Amino acid sequence: MKTLNEFLDEQMKNPEFKKHYEIETILQEIALKIAKLRKTSGLSQQDLAEKLGTKQQVISRIEAGNQNLSIEMLLKLSSALGANLKIDLETAR
């Protein structure tokens, strides 16, 4: 029986799987940061939605990692949450 890490290492050899895995990982990291900033700011999902001129359901999808975000939306979110947006690229290992 394979461990989870062994299974994942094997799956990462598939370029299509690797691409989707990396996208989902980034979306989840962003989602968690947005939810944390929102809660730290004392805002409900509805409050944040109103600041952005959108619906609470959109914020829910964002915080669940189920919304692919444009840079424009990330800038709006960071502004509404009083945060700075930082996008970083690193040399591949």
N, C-alpha and C. Protein backbone atom coordinates (compact mmCIF):
# COMPACT_ATOMS: atom_id res chain seq x y z
N MET A 1 0.84 -1.18 0.00
CA MET A 1 0.00 0.00 0.00
C MET A 1 0.89 1.25 0.00
N LYS A 2 0.55 2.20 -0.86
CA LYS A 2 1.32 3.44 -0.97
C LYS A 2 0.88 4.45 0.08
N THR A 3 1.85 5.25 0.50
CA THR A 3 1.51 6.37 1.38
C THR A 3 0.95 7.49 0.50
N LEU A 4 0.34 8.46 1.13
CA LEU A 4 -0.19 9.60 0.40
C LEU A 4 0.93 10.32 -0.34
N ASN A 5 2.06 10.50 0.32
CA ASN A 5 3.18 11.19 -0.33
C ASN A 5 3.70 10.42 -1.53
N GLU A 6 3.76 9.12 -1.43
CA GLU A 6 4.20 8.30 -2.56
C GLU A 6 3.22 8.42 -3.72
N PHE A 7 1.94 8.37 -3.40
CA PHE A 7 0.91 8.50 -4.43
C PHE A 7 1.01 9.87 -5.11
N LEU A 8 1.16 10.92 -4.29
CA LEU A 8 1.25 12.27 -4.83
C LEU A 8 2.49 12.43 -5.70
N ASP A 9 3.62 11.91 -5.25
CA ASP A 9 4.85 11.97 -6.05
C ASP A 9 4.65 11.32 -7.41
N GLU A 10 3.96 10.21 -7.42
CA GLU A 10 3.69 9.49 -8.66
C GLU A 10 2.77 10.31 -9.57
N GLN A 11 1.73 10.88 -9.00
CA GLN A 11 0.78 11.67 -9.78
C GLN A 11 1.41 12.95 -10.34
N MET A 12 2.36 13.53 -9.61
CA MET A 12 3.01 14.77 -10.04
C MET A 12 3.85 14.58 -11.30
N LYS A 13 4.10 13.35 -11.69
CA LYS A 13 4.82 13.08 -12.93
C LYS A 13 3.94 13.34 -14.15
N ASN A 14 2.64 13.37 -13.94
CA ASN A 14 1.69 13.66 -15.00
C ASN A 14 1.55 15.19 -15.11
N PRO A 15 1.97 15.80 -16.24
CA PRO A 15 1.95 17.27 -16.36
C PRO A 15 0.57 17.88 -16.16
N GLU A 16 -0.47 17.22 -16.63
CA GLU A 16 -1.83 17.75 -16.48
C GLU A 16 -2.24 17.75 -15.01
N PHE A 17 -1.97 16.67 -14.31
CA PHE A 17 -2.28 16.60 -12.88
C PHE A 17 -1.49 17.66 -12.13
N LYS A 18 -0.20 17.77 -12.43
CA LYS A 18 0.67 18.73 -11.73
C LYS A 18 0.15 20.15 -11.90
N LYS A 19 -0.26 20.50 -13.13
CA LYS A 19 -0.78 21.84 -13.39
C LYS A 19 -2.01 22.12 -12.54
N HIS A 20 -2.96 21.20 -12.53
CA HIS A 20 -4.19 21.40 -11.76
C HIS A 20 -3.92 21.40 -10.25
N TYR A 21 -3.02 20.56 -9.81
CA TYR A 21 -2.67 20.51 -8.39
C TYR A 21 -2.07 21.84 -7.95
N GLU A 22 -1.17 22.38 -8.75
CA GLU A 22 -0.53 23.65 -8.40
C GLU A 22 -1.54 24.79 -8.38
N ILE A 23 -2.45 24.82 -9.34
CA ILE A 23 -3.49 25.86 -9.37
C ILE A 23 -4.37 25.77 -8.12
N GLU A 24 -4.81 24.57 -7.80
CA GLU A 24 -5.68 24.38 -6.63
C GLU A 24 -4.97 24.74 -5.33
N THR A 25 -3.68 24.42 -5.25
CA THR A 25 -2.90 24.75 -4.06
C THR A 25 -2.83 26.27 -3.88
N ILE A 26 -2.56 26.99 -4.96
CA ILE A 26 -2.47 28.45 -4.89
C ILE A 26 -3.84 29.04 -4.52
N LEU A 27 -4.91 28.56 -5.15
CA LEU A 27 -6.25 29.06 -4.84
C LEU A 27 -6.60 28.84 -3.37
N GLN A 28 -6.23 27.70 -2.82
CA GLN A 28 -6.51 27.42 -1.41
C GLN A 28 -5.71 28.34 -0.49
N GLU A 29 -4.45 28.59 -0.83
CA GLU A 29 -3.63 29.49 -0.02
C GLU A 29 -4.22 30.90 -0.01
N ILE A 30 -4.62 31.37 -1.19
CA ILE A 30 -5.23 32.70 -1.29
C ILE A 30 -6.54 32.74 -0.51
N ALA A 31 -7.36 31.70 -0.67
CA ALA A 31 -8.65 31.63 0.02
C ALA A 31 -8.47 31.73 1.53
N LEU A 32 -7.51 30.98 2.06
CA LEU A 32 -7.27 31.00 3.51
C LEU A 32 -6.79 32.37 3.98
N LYS A 33 -5.94 33.03 3.19
CA LYS A 33 -5.46 34.36 3.57
C LYS A 33 -6.60 35.38 3.57
N ILE A 34 -7.45 35.30 2.55
CA ILE A 34 -8.58 36.23 2.47
C ILE A 34 -9.52 36.03 3.65
N ALA A 35 -9.85 34.79 3.96
CA ALA A 35 -10.75 34.51 5.08
C ALA A 35 -10.14 35.01 6.39
N LYS A 36 -8.86 34.76 6.57
CA LYS A 36 -8.18 35.20 7.80
C LYS A 36 -8.19 36.73 7.91
N LEU A 37 -7.85 37.41 6.82
CA LEU A 37 -7.86 38.88 6.84
C LEU A 37 -9.26 39.42 7.10
N ARG A 38 -10.25 38.81 6.49
CA ARG A 38 -11.63 39.26 6.69
C ARG A 38 -12.02 39.13 8.15
N LYS A 39 -11.73 37.97 8.73
CA LYS A 39 -12.09 37.74 10.14
C LYS A 39 -11.33 38.67 11.06
N THR A 40 -10.04 38.87 10.79
CA THR A 40 -9.21 39.78 11.60
C THR A 40 -9.75 41.20 11.52
N SER A 41 -10.29 41.56 10.38
CA SER A 41 -10.86 42.90 10.18
C SER A 41 -12.23 43.05 10.82
N GLY A 42 -12.78 41.94 11.32
CA GLY A 42 -14.10 41.98 11.96
C GLY A 42 -15.24 42.09 10.96
N LEU A 43 -14.98 41.68 9.72
CA LEU A 43 -16.01 41.75 8.69
C LEU A 43 -16.68 40.40 8.48
N SER A 44 -17.97 40.44 8.21
CA SER A 44 -18.67 39.22 7.80
C SER A 44 -18.48 39.08 6.29
N GLN A 45 -18.84 37.94 5.76
CA GLN A 45 -18.79 37.78 4.31
C GLN A 45 -19.71 38.80 3.64
N GLN A 46 -20.86 39.05 4.25
CA GLN A 46 -21.81 40.04 3.71
C GLN A 46 -21.19 41.43 3.71
N ASP A 47 -20.50 41.79 4.81
CA ASP A 47 -19.85 43.11 4.89
C ASP A 47 -18.83 43.27 3.76
N LEU A 48 -18.00 42.26 3.57
CA LEU A 48 -16.98 42.33 2.53
C LEU A 48 -17.63 42.39 1.14
N ALA A 49 -18.66 41.63 0.94
CA ALA A 49 -19.37 41.64 -0.34
C ALA A 49 -19.91 43.05 -0.64
N GLU A 50 -20.47 43.68 0.36
CA GLU A 50 -21.01 45.04 0.17
C GLU A 50 -19.90 46.02 -0.18
N LYS A 51 -18.74 45.89 0.46
CA LYS A 51 -17.61 46.76 0.14
C LYS A 51 -17.16 46.58 -1.31
N LEU A 52 -17.31 45.37 -1.82
CA LEU A 52 -16.87 45.06 -3.18
C LEU A 52 -17.97 45.21 -4.22
N GLY A 53 -19.20 45.46 -3.76
CA GLY A 53 -20.32 45.58 -4.69
C GLY A 53 -20.69 44.24 -5.32
N THR A 54 -20.59 43.19 -4.52
CA THR A 54 -20.92 41.86 -5.01
C THR A 54 -21.82 41.16 -4.00
N LYS A 55 -22.04 39.88 -4.19
CA LYS A 55 -22.92 39.11 -3.30
C LYS A 55 -22.10 38.28 -2.32
N GLN A 56 -22.72 37.98 -1.19
CA GLN A 56 -22.07 37.16 -0.16
C GLN A 56 -21.65 35.81 -0.72
N GLN A 57 -22.43 35.26 -1.64
CA GLN A 57 -22.12 33.96 -2.22
C GLN A 57 -20.78 33.98 -2.96
N VAL A 58 -20.44 35.11 -3.57
CA VAL A 58 -19.16 35.25 -4.26
C VAL A 58 -18.02 35.16 -3.24
N ILE A 59 -18.17 35.83 -2.12
CA ILE A 59 -17.15 35.79 -1.07
C ILE A 59 -17.02 34.36 -0.53
N SER A 60 -18.13 33.69 -0.36
CA SER A 60 -18.11 32.30 0.09
C SER A 60 -17.32 31.42 -0.87
N ARG A 61 -17.56 31.59 -2.18
CA ARG A 61 -16.82 30.80 -3.18
C ARG A 61 -15.34 31.12 -3.15
N ILE A 62 -15.02 32.41 -2.99
CA ILE A 62 -13.61 32.82 -2.92
C ILE A 62 -12.93 32.16 -1.73
N GLU A 63 -13.57 32.23 -0.57
CA GLU A 63 -12.98 31.67 0.65
C GLU A 63 -12.95 30.15 0.65
N ALA A 64 -13.74 29.53 -0.20
CA ALA A 64 -13.70 28.07 -0.34
C ALA A 64 -12.65 27.64 -1.38
N GLY A 65 -12.06 28.62 -2.06
CA GLY A 65 -11.07 28.31 -3.09
C GLY A 65 -11.72 27.87 -4.39
N ASN A 66 -12.99 28.20 -4.56
CA ASN A 66 -13.74 27.77 -5.74
C ASN A 66 -13.95 28.89 -6.75
N GLN A 67 -13.15 29.93 -6.68
CA GLN A 67 -13.30 31.07 -7.57
C GLN A 67 -11.92 31.44 -8.10
N ASN A 68 -11.76 31.36 -9.42
CA ASN A 68 -10.50 31.78 -10.02
C ASN A 68 -10.49 33.30 -10.03
N LEU A 69 -9.51 33.90 -9.41
CA LEU A 69 -9.50 35.35 -9.19
C LEU A 69 -8.59 36.07 -10.17
N SER A 70 -9.08 37.17 -10.71
CA SER A 70 -8.26 38.02 -11.56
C SER A 70 -7.39 38.90 -10.66
N ILE A 71 -6.39 39.48 -11.25
CA ILE A 71 -5.54 40.41 -10.49
C ILE A 71 -6.37 41.61 -10.06
N GLU A 72 -7.30 42.04 -10.92
CA GLU A 72 -8.18 43.15 -10.57
C GLU A 72 -8.99 42.83 -9.32
N MET A 73 -9.55 41.63 -9.23
CA MET A 73 -10.33 41.25 -8.05
C MET A 73 -9.42 41.13 -6.83
N LEU A 74 -8.24 40.60 -7.00
CA LEU A 74 -7.30 40.51 -5.88
C LEU A 74 -6.95 41.91 -5.36
N LEU A 75 -6.79 42.87 -6.25
CA LEU A 75 -6.53 44.25 -5.83
C LEU A 75 -7.71 44.83 -5.08
N LYS A 76 -8.93 44.58 -5.55
CA LYS A 76 -10.13 45.06 -4.87
C LYS A 76 -10.24 44.44 -3.48
N LEU A 77 -10.01 43.13 -3.41
CA LEU A 77 -10.06 42.44 -2.12
C LEU A 77 -9.02 42.99 -1.15
N SER A 78 -7.80 43.14 -1.62
CA SER A 78 -6.74 43.63 -0.73
C SER A 78 -7.06 45.03 -0.23
N SER A 79 -7.58 45.87 -1.10
CA SER A 79 -7.95 47.23 -0.70
C SER A 79 -9.08 47.20 0.34
N ALA A 80 -10.10 46.40 0.09
CA ALA A 80 -11.24 46.30 1.02
C ALA A 80 -10.83 45.75 2.37
N LEU A 81 -9.78 44.93 2.38
CA LEU A 81 -9.31 44.31 3.62
C LEU A 81 -8.15 45.07 4.26
N GLY A 82 -7.75 46.19 3.65
CA GLY A 82 -6.65 46.98 4.19
C GLY A 82 -5.33 46.26 4.11
N ALA A 83 -5.14 45.49 3.06
CA ALA A 83 -3.91 44.70 2.90
C ALA A 83 -3.19 45.13 1.64
N ASN A 84 -1.94 44.74 1.53
CA ASN A 84 -1.16 44.96 0.33
C ASN A 84 -1.10 43.67 -0.47
N LEU A 85 -1.31 43.79 -1.79
CA LEU A 85 -1.21 42.62 -2.66
C LEU A 85 0.24 42.47 -3.08
N LYS A 86 0.76 41.26 -2.91
CA LYS A 86 2.12 40.95 -3.31
C LYS A 86 2.09 39.67 -4.13
N ILE A 87 2.56 39.77 -5.36
CA ILE A 87 2.66 38.60 -6.22
C ILE A 87 4.14 38.35 -6.45
N ASP A 88 4.57 37.12 -6.25
CA ASP A 88 5.98 36.81 -6.28
C ASP A 88 6.24 35.62 -7.19
N LEU A 89 7.27 35.69 -7.99
CA LEU A 89 7.72 34.57 -8.80
C LEU A 89 9.10 34.17 -8.33
N GLU A 90 9.32 32.88 -8.23
CA GLU A 90 10.62 32.37 -7.81
C GLU A 90 11.19 31.46 -8.89
N THR A 91 12.48 31.33 -8.88
CA THR A 91 13.13 30.41 -9.80
C THR A 91 12.71 28.98 -9.46
N ALA A 92 12.34 28.22 -10.49
CA ALA A 92 11.93 26.83 -10.27
C ALA A 92 13.11 26.02 -9.78
N ARG A 93 12.81 25.05 -8.93
CA ARG A 93 13.86 24.19 -8.38
C ARG A 93 14.00 22.96 -9.22
